[in-house]
Amino acid sequence: MTDITSPFAAIILAAGKGTRMKSDLHKVLHPIAGRAMLDHLMASVAELGPERTAVVVGAGREQIEKAVGTRAVTCLQEPQLGTGHAVQQAESALAGFSGDVLVLYGDVPFVKAGTMRAMLERLHGPDAPAVVVLGFEPDDPLAYGRVIADDAGAILKMVEYKDADEGERACHLCNSGLLAARAEDLFALLARIGNDNAQGEYYLPDIVNIAIAGGRSCAVIVAESADEVAGINSRAELAGAEARWQAARRLRAMEEGATLIAPDTVFFAHDTVLGRDVTIEPNVFFGPGVQVADKVLIRANSHIEGASLASGVKVGPFARLRPGTVLEEGSFIGNFVEVKNATLHAGAKASHLTYLGDASVGAGANIGAGTITCNYDGYFKYRTTIGERAFIGSNSSLIAPVTIGADAIVAAGSAVTRDVAPGELRMVRAEQLVKDGWADRFHDAMKKKKAAEKKG
């Protein structure tokens, strides 16, 4: 975390109903790259070390309060009378605070910490602007409100599209809605805005024109790209944001030394960590909490979450690694193997058709096809411990809690319920019954019976 020089507070607006999402889940809690929109934004704010953070809530407040926890104070906006009114609801949460204030939106999740820093720094420029607005320049400005400013970034006028004349509409500098102001200026200006408009609401951008009319200067800085300030209001926009995030992350992965055979088919989580010379084949999905060291091969159609993969590990194809999986150097998980809360130590391998849950597999151990650890009795989970260089034959069931000693062998088809000593062979099979000629007699009898039924 890198603190900025002047103390600041953040107000995040998240009171909207988000009706276009058509969801029981609050809009700002919908995930992108496995992380809620609101959490993306709060993580960026946290990089700068705010003195206070307030989240303005309304519809679905219980969901937001639970998600925020102790990271921020929540302030209720009820009824919801516009963005200016929403910011006013945070005034009590900032009582006694005299620093700078950033006003952000929970559904605009990808504002960079560097951009926020630039807004706050501009607030302390030589002209001491009352308000700093974050503008952006989209390819198509559509019906966004315009920021009319001079070449030095001093705002001359803020104008809504519907109120703009032809010359003002020709301006491509648009208002993102995000701004910074000193606390005393912010709430003093908010007290002066009115609601004489078609919606009868109090609009936050009005404070800029009020400040300018009162002889104060206001300034604009421009976001690096329109994507940084893109709001998300629908499922389609959510999908678009996910696609843009994934595209950027894939590019970064390749720039940092990973090979993606078919980049568009690989999906990362917000916290995926990749080493150098990692190779990822098509259709691989990373959930949250994955760390991949150097020289790892992840083959096609694998799903990985909450797992740690050491150098030289090979996974897949068609493997599933669930939370708590640890694969040490040179271990191997093959096709149709599922691992959960288990560690494979160096050089251990489970090549195919296996479930390893709540287990420790010793270095150099080999797990045969069709092996399962029976770790759950319907109430509790139990662990299986497999020693170094142990060999588990195909189609074996290890019924936990159970320990297989080092260098032990479990014969194929065994159901092991008791510990196996180091170096021991354990074979648990029913005695084979042999009846000479029985099958021939059975077939003859059945054929005769079937023929009789046809005649009847």
Protein backbone atom coordinates (compact mmCIF):
# COMPACT_ATOMS: atom_id res chain seq x y z
CA MET A 1 0.00 0.00 0.00
CA THR A 2 1.32 3.46 -0.93
CA ASP A 3 -0.18 6.32 1.05
CA ILE A 4 -0.65 9.70 -0.59
CA THR A 5 0.57 12.84 1.15
CA SER A 6 -2.76 14.47 2.02
CA PRO A 7 -5.43 12.49 3.92
CA PHE A 8 -8.44 11.57 1.84
CA ALA A 9 -11.76 9.81 2.15
CA ALA A 10 -13.67 7.85 -0.47
CA ILE A 11 -17.43 7.91 -0.98
CA ILE A 12 -18.67 5.02 -3.14
CA LEU A 13 -22.21 5.29 -4.48
CA ALA A 14 -24.03 1.94 -4.55
CA ALA A 15 -27.64 2.80 -3.78
CA GLY A 16 -29.13 2.19 -7.22
CA LYS A 17 -31.60 -0.62 -7.78
CA GLY A 18 -29.85 -1.95 -10.88
CA THR A 19 -33.15 -2.98 -12.44
CA ARG A 20 -31.58 -3.65 -15.83
CA MET A 21 -29.61 -6.54 -14.33
CA LYS A 22 -32.87 -8.34 -13.54
CA SER A 23 -31.20 -10.06 -10.60
CA ASP A 24 -31.74 -10.77 -6.92
CA LEU A 25 -28.03 -10.05 -6.45
CA HIS A 26 -27.14 -6.39 -6.05
CA LYS A 27 -25.66 -4.95 -9.22
CA VAL A 28 -22.27 -4.02 -7.72
CA LEU A 29 -21.83 -7.54 -6.32
CA HIS A 30 -21.90 -9.21 -9.72
CA PRO A 31 -18.42 -10.65 -10.32
CA ILE A 32 -15.86 -9.93 -12.98
CA ALA A 33 -12.88 -12.30 -13.04
CA GLY A 34 -14.21 -13.97 -9.89
CA ARG A 35 -14.40 -10.74 -7.88
CA ALA A 36 -17.37 -8.47 -7.19
CA MET A 37 -17.37 -5.14 -9.03
CA LEU A 38 -17.41 -3.33 -5.70
CA ASP A 39 -14.39 -5.30 -4.48
CA HIS A 40 -12.41 -4.40 -7.61
CA LEU A 41 -13.02 -0.73 -6.87
CA MET A 42 -12.37 -0.97 -3.14
CA ALA A 43 -9.07 -2.76 -3.77
CA SER A 44 -7.91 0.13 -5.98
CA VAL A 45 -8.98 2.68 -3.36
CA ALA A 46 -7.16 0.70 -0.65
CA GLU A 47 -3.87 0.99 -2.58
CA LEU A 48 -3.88 4.72 -1.73
CA GLY A 49 -4.63 4.28 1.97
CA PRO A 50 -7.86 6.23 2.59
CA GLU A 51 -8.48 7.59 6.05
CA ARG A 52 -12.19 6.82 5.71
CA THR A 53 -14.37 4.94 3.23
CA ALA A 54 -18.14 5.29 3.05
CA VAL A 55 -20.46 3.26 0.83
CA VAL A 56 -23.88 4.77 0.14
CA VAL A 57 -26.51 2.04 0.05
CA GLY A 58 -30.21 1.85 -0.72
CA ALA A 59 -31.91 -1.06 -2.43
CA GLY A 60 -30.36 -4.35 -1.36
CA ARG A 61 -28.51 -2.67 1.49
CA GLU A 62 -28.21 -5.91 3.50
CA GLN A 63 -26.20 -7.53 0.71
CA ILE A 64 -23.84 -4.57 0.47
CA GLU A 65 -23.39 -4.30 4.23
CA LYS A 66 -22.49 -7.98 4.43
CA ALA A 67 -20.05 -7.73 1.53
CA VAL A 68 -18.35 -4.58 2.85
CA GLY A 69 -18.01 -5.80 6.43
CA THR A 70 -15.65 -3.62 8.42
CA ARG A 71 -13.86 -2.20 5.40
CA ALA A 72 -16.19 0.79 5.16
CA VAL A 73 -19.07 2.61 6.82
CA THR A 74 -22.39 2.27 5.04
CA CYS A 75 -24.80 5.21 4.71
CA LEU A 76 -28.46 4.79 3.74
CA GLN A 77 -30.02 6.82 0.94
CA GLU A 78 -33.77 6.53 1.26
CA PRO A 79 -35.51 7.74 -0.80
CA GLN A 80 -33.10 7.88 -3.74
CA LEU A 81 -33.18 11.42 -5.09
CA GLY A 82 -30.15 11.52 -7.37
CA THR A 83 -26.38 11.37 -7.15
CA GLY A 84 -25.98 14.68 -5.35
CA HIS A 85 -28.46 13.59 -2.70
CA ALA A 86 -26.60 10.26 -2.41
CA VAL A 87 -23.29 11.96 -1.62
CA GLN A 88 -25.00 14.11 1.00
CA GLN A 89 -25.94 10.96 2.91
CA ALA A 90 -22.25 10.35 3.61
CA GLU A 91 -21.74 13.73 5.30
CA SER A 92 -22.30 12.36 8.80
CA ALA A 93 -19.84 9.51 8.15
CA LEU A 94 -17.21 12.15 7.34
CA ALA A 95 -17.98 14.33 10.34
CA GLY A 96 -14.80 15.96 11.60
CA PHE A 97 -12.88 15.04 8.46
CA SER A 98 -11.30 18.02 6.69
CA GLY A 99 -9.28 16.30 3.98
CA ASP A 100 -9.99 15.50 0.35
CA VAL A 101 -12.88 13.37 -0.86
CA LEU A 102 -13.10 11.08 -3.87
CA VAL A 103 -16.60 10.34 -5.14
CA LEU A 104 -16.74 7.01 -6.97
CA TYR A 105 -19.39 4.63 -8.30
CA GLY A 106 -19.71 0.99 -7.32
CA ASP A 107 -20.69 0.04 -10.86
CA VAL A 108 -17.59 1.71 -12.34
CA PRO A 109 -15.12 -0.85 -10.99
CA PHE A 110 -11.93 -0.38 -12.98
CA VAL A 111 -10.78 3.12 -12.12
CA LYS A 112 -7.05 2.79 -11.52
CA ALA A 113 -5.39 3.81 -8.29
CA GLY A 114 -3.07 6.00 -10.37
CA THR A 115 -6.02 7.87 -11.83
CA MET A 116 -7.48 8.45 -8.38
CA ARG A 117 -4.09 9.72 -7.24
CA ALA A 118 -3.94 12.12 -10.19
CA MET A 119 -7.37 13.51 -9.29
CA LEU A 120 -6.30 14.16 -5.71
CA GLU A 121 -3.00 15.69 -6.76
CA ARG A 122 -4.74 17.99 -9.23
CA LEU A 123 -6.93 19.19 -6.38
CA HIS A 124 -3.77 20.67 -4.85
CA GLY A 125 -2.58 22.39 -8.02
CA PRO A 126 -1.58 26.08 -8.03
CA ASP A 127 -5.12 27.16 -8.99
CA ALA A 128 -6.62 25.16 -6.06
CA PRO A 129 -9.73 24.00 -7.95
CA ALA A 130 -12.90 23.51 -5.94
CA VAL A 131 -13.73 20.35 -7.89
CA VAL A 132 -11.68 18.02 -10.07
CA VAL A 133 -13.73 16.04 -12.59
CA LEU A 134 -12.58 12.84 -14.27
CA GLY A 135 -13.33 13.11 -17.97
CA PHE A 136 -12.97 10.61 -20.78
CA GLU A 137 -12.93 10.64 -24.56
CA PRO A 138 -14.98 7.77 -26.04
CA ASP A 139 -14.90 6.86 -29.70
CA ASP A 140 -18.58 7.80 -29.85
CA PRO A 141 -19.63 10.36 -27.22
CA LEU A 142 -23.31 9.50 -27.70
CA ALA A 143 -25.49 11.28 -25.14
CA TYR A 144 -22.91 11.69 -22.39
CA GLY A 145 -22.71 15.00 -20.58
CA ARG A 146 -19.93 17.19 -21.94
CA VAL A 147 -17.07 18.89 -20.11
CA ILE A 148 -16.24 22.18 -21.81
CA ALA A 149 -12.70 23.08 -20.81
CA ASP A 150 -9.75 25.14 -22.02
CA ASP A 151 -6.41 23.73 -23.14
CA ALA A 152 -5.08 23.83 -19.56
CA GLY A 153 -7.94 21.69 -18.28
CA ALA A 154 -9.84 24.48 -16.56
CA ILE A 155 -13.55 23.77 -16.81
CA LEU A 156 -15.63 26.48 -18.43
CA LYS A 157 -18.93 24.65 -18.26
CA MET A 158 -20.53 21.28 -17.57
CA VAL A 159 -23.49 20.61 -19.82
CA GLU A 160 -25.87 17.69 -20.24
CA TYR A 161 -26.20 16.44 -23.79
CA LYS A 162 -29.86 17.41 -24.05
CA ASP A 163 -28.99 20.97 -23.03
CA ALA A 164 -25.88 21.31 -25.21
CA ASP A 165 -25.81 23.34 -28.42
CA GLU A 166 -24.27 22.05 -31.64
CA GLY A 167 -20.80 23.36 -30.81
CA GLU A 168 -20.85 21.85 -27.32
CA ARG A 169 -21.99 18.49 -28.66
CA ALA A 170 -19.01 18.54 -31.01
CA CYS A 171 -16.79 18.38 -27.91
CA HIS A 172 -15.73 14.77 -27.23
CA LEU A 173 -14.62 15.28 -23.64
CA CYS A 174 -17.30 13.60 -21.57
CA ASN A 175 -18.14 13.51 -17.87
CA SER A 176 -17.55 10.18 -16.11
CA GLY A 177 -19.36 11.36 -12.99
CA LEU A 178 -16.32 10.74 -10.78
CA LEU A 179 -14.85 13.73 -8.99
CA ALA A 180 -12.66 14.95 -6.15
CA ALA A 181 -13.14 17.89 -3.82
CA ARG A 182 -12.12 19.04 -0.38
CA ALA A 183 -14.69 17.96 2.19
CA GLU A 184 -15.70 21.48 3.18
CA ASP A 185 -16.17 22.51 -0.46
CA LEU A 186 -18.02 19.34 -1.41
CA PHE A 187 -20.74 19.52 1.19
CA ALA A 188 -21.08 23.31 0.99
CA LEU A 189 -21.65 23.07 -2.77
CA LEU A 190 -24.05 20.14 -2.40
CA ALA A 191 -26.18 22.24 -0.04
CA ARG A 192 -26.73 24.71 -2.89
CA ILE A 193 -27.87 22.35 -5.66
CA GLY A 194 -31.55 22.18 -6.58
CA ASN A 195 -33.84 19.63 -8.15
CA ASP A 196 -35.53 21.78 -10.77
CA ASN A 197 -35.38 19.16 -13.50
CA ALA A 198 -37.64 16.61 -15.14
CA GLN A 199 -36.73 13.88 -12.66
CA GLY A 200 -36.86 16.11 -9.59
CA GLU A 201 -33.44 14.83 -8.54
CA TYR A 202 -30.28 16.40 -7.16
CA TYR A 203 -27.44 15.88 -9.61
CA LEU A 204 -23.84 15.74 -8.41
CA PRO A 205 -22.29 17.43 -11.52
CA ASP A 206 -24.27 20.59 -10.74
CA ILE A 207 -21.72 21.46 -8.05
CA VAL A 208 -19.18 22.26 -10.78
CA ASN A 209 -21.30 24.94 -12.41
CA ILE A 210 -22.26 26.31 -8.99
CA ALA A 211 -18.59 26.59 -8.04
CA ILE A 212 -17.70 28.29 -11.33
CA ALA A 213 -20.60 30.73 -10.95
CA GLY A 214 -19.26 31.58 -7.51
CA GLY A 215 -15.86 32.50 -8.89
CA ARG A 216 -14.05 29.25 -8.07
CA SER A 217 -12.02 27.33 -10.62
CA CYS A 218 -12.71 23.68 -11.44
CA ALA A 219 -10.48 21.33 -13.40
CA VAL A 220 -10.71 18.17 -15.46
CA ILE A 221 -8.22 15.37 -15.93
CA VAL A 222 -8.71 12.72 -18.59
CA ALA A 223 -8.81 8.95 -18.03
CA GLU A 224 -6.35 6.88 -20.05
CA SER A 225 -9.21 5.10 -21.80
CA ALA A 226 -12.98 5.07 -21.87
CA ASP A 227 -12.91 1.47 -20.61
CA GLU A 228 -11.47 2.66 -17.29
CA VAL A 229 -14.65 4.58 -16.49
CA ALA A 230 -17.19 2.30 -18.18
CA GLY A 231 -20.29 1.81 -16.06
CA ILE A 232 -21.95 -1.61 -15.88
CA ASN A 233 -25.73 -1.63 -15.81
CA SER A 234 -26.81 -4.78 -17.63
CA ARG A 235 -25.81 -8.39 -18.17
CA ALA A 236 -24.54 -7.48 -21.63
CA GLU A 237 -22.33 -4.71 -20.22
CA LEU A 238 -21.13 -7.11 -17.53
CA ALA A 239 -20.11 -9.60 -20.20
CA GLY A 240 -18.39 -6.84 -22.14
CA ALA A 241 -16.41 -5.78 -19.08
CA GLU A 242 -15.40 -9.39 -18.43
CA ALA A 243 -14.25 -9.76 -22.02
CA ARG A 244 -12.15 -6.58 -21.88
CA TRP A 245 -10.60 -7.60 -18.54
CA GLN A 246 -9.76 -11.09 -19.80
CA ALA A 247 -8.25 -9.76 -23.02
CA ALA A 248 -5.95 -7.46 -21.07
CA ARG A 249 -4.97 -10.20 -18.62
CA ARG A 250 -4.17 -12.67 -21.39
CA LEU A 251 -1.95 -10.13 -23.07
CA ARG A 252 -0.14 -9.44 -19.79
CA ALA A 253 0.34 -13.18 -19.18
CA MET A 254 2.03 -13.57 -22.56
CA GLU A 255 4.12 -10.44 -22.08
CA GLU A 256 5.35 -11.87 -18.78
CA GLY A 257 6.50 -15.13 -20.32
CA ALA A 258 3.54 -17.54 -20.45
CA THR A 259 2.49 -19.37 -23.60
CA LEU A 260 -1.24 -19.43 -24.29
CA ILE A 261 -1.94 -21.78 -27.19
CA ALA A 262 -5.42 -20.35 -27.80
CA PRO A 263 -5.56 -17.15 -25.72
CA ASP A 264 -9.25 -16.40 -26.24
CA THR A 265 -10.21 -19.71 -24.60
CA VAL A 266 -8.27 -19.16 -21.36
CA PHE A 267 -10.03 -17.42 -18.46
CA PHE A 268 -8.16 -15.95 -15.50
CA ALA A 269 -9.31 -14.84 -12.07
CA HIS A 270 -8.45 -11.43 -10.67
CA ASP A 271 -5.62 -12.90 -8.55
CA THR A 272 -4.16 -15.60 -10.81
CA VAL A 273 -0.37 -15.71 -10.52
CA LEU A 274 1.68 -17.23 -13.34
CA GLY A 275 5.41 -17.92 -13.50
CA ARG A 276 7.63 -17.85 -16.57
CA ASP A 277 7.60 -20.51 -19.27
CA VAL A 278 4.17 -21.72 -18.24
CA THR A 279 2.26 -23.32 -21.09
CA ILE A 280 -1.54 -23.23 -21.07
CA GLU A 281 -3.46 -25.22 -23.65
CA PRO A 282 -6.98 -24.33 -24.86
CA ASN A 283 -10.09 -24.11 -22.67
CA VAL A 284 -8.46 -23.69 -19.27
CA PHE A 285 -10.37 -21.88 -16.51
CA PHE A 286 -8.76 -20.36 -13.43
CA GLY A 287 -10.93 -19.62 -10.42
CA PRO A 288 -9.69 -17.40 -7.57
CA GLY A 289 -6.64 -18.28 -5.51
CA VAL A 290 -4.35 -19.98 -8.05
CA GLN A 291 -0.57 -19.67 -7.98
CA VAL A 292 1.46 -21.28 -10.77
CA ALA A 293 5.25 -21.44 -10.65
CA ASP A 294 7.69 -21.61 -13.57
CA LYS A 295 7.69 -24.27 -16.28
CA VAL A 296 4.24 -25.68 -15.52
CA LEU A 297 2.20 -27.35 -18.26
CA ILE A 298 -1.59 -27.07 -17.99
CA ARG A 299 -3.26 -29.11 -20.67
CA ALA A 300 -6.60 -28.53 -22.34
CA ASN A 301 -10.00 -28.38 -20.66
CA SER A 302 -8.76 -28.14 -17.08
CA HIS A 303 -10.48 -26.23 -14.26
CA ILE A 304 -8.27 -24.89 -11.46
CA GLU A 305 -9.19 -22.88 -8.35
CA GLY A 306 -7.59 -22.33 -4.97
CA ALA A 307 -4.53 -24.35 -5.94
CA SER A 308 -0.76 -23.98 -5.80
CA LEU A 309 1.37 -25.54 -8.55
CA ALA A 310 5.13 -25.76 -8.10
CA SER A 311 7.78 -25.73 -10.81
CA GLY A 312 7.63 -28.48 -13.39
CA VAL A 313 4.12 -29.67 -12.54
CA LYS A 314 1.93 -31.12 -15.30
CA VAL A 315 -1.86 -31.00 -15.16
CA GLY A 316 -4.55 -32.42 -17.42
CA PRO A 317 -6.07 -32.62 -19.89
CA PHE A 318 -9.57 -32.60 -18.36
CA ALA A 319 -8.31 -32.20 -14.79
CA ARG A 320 -10.06 -30.44 -11.94
CA LEU A 321 -8.07 -28.91 -9.09
CA ARG A 322 -10.24 -27.62 -6.26
CA PRO A 323 -9.38 -25.36 -3.30
CA GLY A 324 -6.61 -26.60 -1.04
CA THR A 325 -4.74 -28.46 -3.77
CA VAL A 326 -0.95 -28.27 -3.53
CA LEU A 327 1.17 -29.85 -6.24
CA GLU A 328 4.86 -29.95 -5.42
CA GLU A 329 7.71 -29.98 -7.92
CA GLY A 330 7.43 -32.48 -10.73
CA SER A 331 4.11 -33.96 -9.63
CA PHE A 332 1.56 -34.93 -12.24
CA ILE A 333 -2.22 -34.87 -12.42
CA GLY A 334 -3.60 -36.51 -15.54
CA ASN A 335 -6.90 -36.69 -17.38
CA PHE A 336 -10.16 -36.91 -15.45
CA VAL A 337 -8.47 -36.56 -12.08
CA GLU A 338 -10.08 -34.42 -9.38
CA VAL A 339 -8.07 -33.15 -6.40
CA LYS A 340 -9.48 -31.32 -3.37
CA ASN A 341 -7.67 -30.17 -0.22
CA ALA A 342 -4.81 -32.52 -0.98
CA THR A 343 -1.06 -32.31 -1.42
CA LEU A 344 0.93 -34.29 -3.94
CA HIS A 345 4.56 -34.15 -2.89
CA ALA A 346 7.47 -34.02 -5.32
CA GLY A 347 7.20 -36.47 -8.19
CA ALA A 348 3.91 -38.03 -7.10
CA LYS A 349 1.45 -38.79 -9.86
CA ALA A 350 -2.17 -39.65 -10.45
CA SER A 351 -2.43 -40.20 -14.16
CA HIS A 352 -6.13 -40.76 -14.78
CA LEU A 353 -9.67 -41.33 -13.51
CA THR A 354 -8.96 -40.62 -9.84
CA TYR A 355 -10.42 -38.64 -6.93
CA LEU A 356 -8.04 -37.43 -4.21
CA GLY A 357 -9.81 -35.52 -1.46
CA ASP A 358 -8.42 -34.54 1.95
CA ALA A 359 -5.22 -36.43 1.29
CA SER A 360 -1.45 -36.28 1.43
CA VAL A 361 0.40 -38.22 -1.27
CA GLY A 362 4.08 -38.83 -0.57
CA ALA A 363 6.95 -38.04 -2.89
CA GLY A 364 7.24 -40.46 -5.79
CA ALA A 365 3.97 -42.25 -5.00
CA ASN A 366 1.89 -43.61 -7.87
CA ILE A 367 -1.92 -43.57 -7.78
CA GLY A 368 -3.52 -46.03 -10.21
CA ALA A 369 -6.51 -45.37 -12.44
CA GLY A 370 -9.90 -45.42 -10.77
CA THR A 371 -8.55 -44.89 -7.25
CA ILE A 372 -10.69 -42.85 -4.87
CA THR A 373 -10.18 -41.58 -1.35
CA CYS A 374 -13.46 -42.14 0.48
CA ASN A 375 -13.21 -39.04 2.65
CA TYR A 376 -16.81 -38.28 3.69
CA ASP A 377 -19.28 -40.27 5.78
CA GLY A 378 -22.18 -37.87 5.31
CA TYR A 379 -21.25 -35.85 8.39
CA PHE A 380 -17.47 -35.43 8.63
CA LYS A 381 -14.41 -35.36 6.37
CA TYR A 382 -11.42 -37.64 7.05
CA ARG A 383 -7.87 -37.68 5.74
CA THR A 384 -5.89 -40.23 3.78
CA THR A 385 -2.10 -40.29 4.07
CA ILE A 386 -0.07 -42.09 1.44
CA GLY A 387 3.65 -42.56 2.08
CA GLU A 388 6.60 -41.98 -0.18
CA ARG A 389 6.94 -44.27 -3.20
CA ALA A 390 3.75 -46.14 -2.31
CA PHE A 391 1.94 -47.81 -5.21
CA ILE A 392 -1.86 -47.80 -5.25
CA GLY A 393 -3.26 -50.26 -7.77
CA SER A 394 -6.08 -49.37 -10.11
CA ASN A 395 -9.69 -49.28 -8.94
CA SER A 396 -8.79 -49.12 -5.25
CA SER A 397 -10.87 -47.40 -2.56
CA LEU A 398 -8.98 -45.91 0.36
CA ILE A 399 -11.55 -45.50 3.12
CA ALA A 400 -10.45 -42.66 5.39
CA PRO A 401 -9.10 -42.17 7.92
CA VAL A 402 -6.33 -44.42 6.69
CA THR A 403 -2.55 -44.34 6.26
CA ILE A 404 -0.60 -46.17 3.58
CA GLY A 405 3.03 -46.52 4.57
CA ALA A 406 6.11 -45.70 2.52
CA ASP A 407 6.94 -48.23 -0.25
CA ALA A 408 3.69 -50.11 0.43
CA ILE A 409 1.67 -51.66 -2.37
CA VAL A 410 -2.12 -51.73 -2.48
CA ALA A 411 -3.26 -54.37 -4.95
CA ALA A 412 -5.67 -53.36 -7.69
CA GLY A 413 -9.32 -53.56 -6.77
CA SER A 414 -8.74 -53.32 -3.01
CA ALA A 415 -11.00 -51.56 -0.51
CA VAL A 416 -8.63 -50.52 2.26
CA THR A 417 -10.15 -49.78 5.67
CA ARG A 418 -7.10 -50.26 7.94
CA ASP A 419 -3.63 -48.73 7.90
CA VAL A 420 -1.04 -50.37 5.66
CA ALA A 421 2.45 -50.71 7.10
CA PRO A 422 5.53 -49.47 5.21
CA GLY A 423 6.70 -51.99 2.63
CA GLU A 424 3.55 -54.13 3.03
CA LEU A 425 1.33 -55.56 0.31
CA ARG A 426 -2.35 -55.13 1.03
CA MET A 427 -4.82 -57.09 -1.09
CA VAL A 428 -8.49 -56.85 -0.19
CA ARG A 429 -10.52 -58.93 -2.63
CA ALA A 430 -13.21 -61.55 -2.38
CA GLU A 431 -11.98 -65.09 -3.14
CA GLN A 432 -12.58 -65.96 -6.78
CA LEU A 433 -15.12 -68.70 -7.36
CA VAL A 434 -14.59 -70.97 -10.39
CA LYS A 435 -17.30 -73.29 -11.77
CA ASP A 436 -16.13 -75.21 -14.80
CA GLY A 437 -18.65 -75.31 -17.67
CA TRP A 438 -21.25 -73.25 -15.78
CA ALA A 439 -21.41 -70.50 -18.43
CA ASP A 440 -21.88 -73.00 -21.25
CA ARG A 441 -24.76 -74.68 -19.42
CA PHE A 442 -26.32 -71.29 -18.65
CA HIS A 443 -26.21 -70.19 -22.28
CA ASP A 444 -27.75 -73.46 -23.48
CA ALA A 445 -30.58 -73.21 -20.97
CA MET A 446 -31.38 -69.59 -21.82
CA LYS A 447 -31.36 -70.22 -25.57
CA LYS A 448 -33.81 -73.09 -25.15
CA LYS A 449 -36.07 -70.97 -22.98
CA LYS A 450 -36.06 -68.09 -25.45
CA ALA A 451 -36.82 -70.40 -28.35
CA ALA A 452 -39.73 -71.92 -26.43
CA GLU A 453 -41.20 -68.49 -25.77
CA LYS A 454 -41.10 -67.64 -29.46
CA LYS A 455 -42.98 -70.81 -30.39
CA GLY A 456 -45.60 -70.09 -27.74
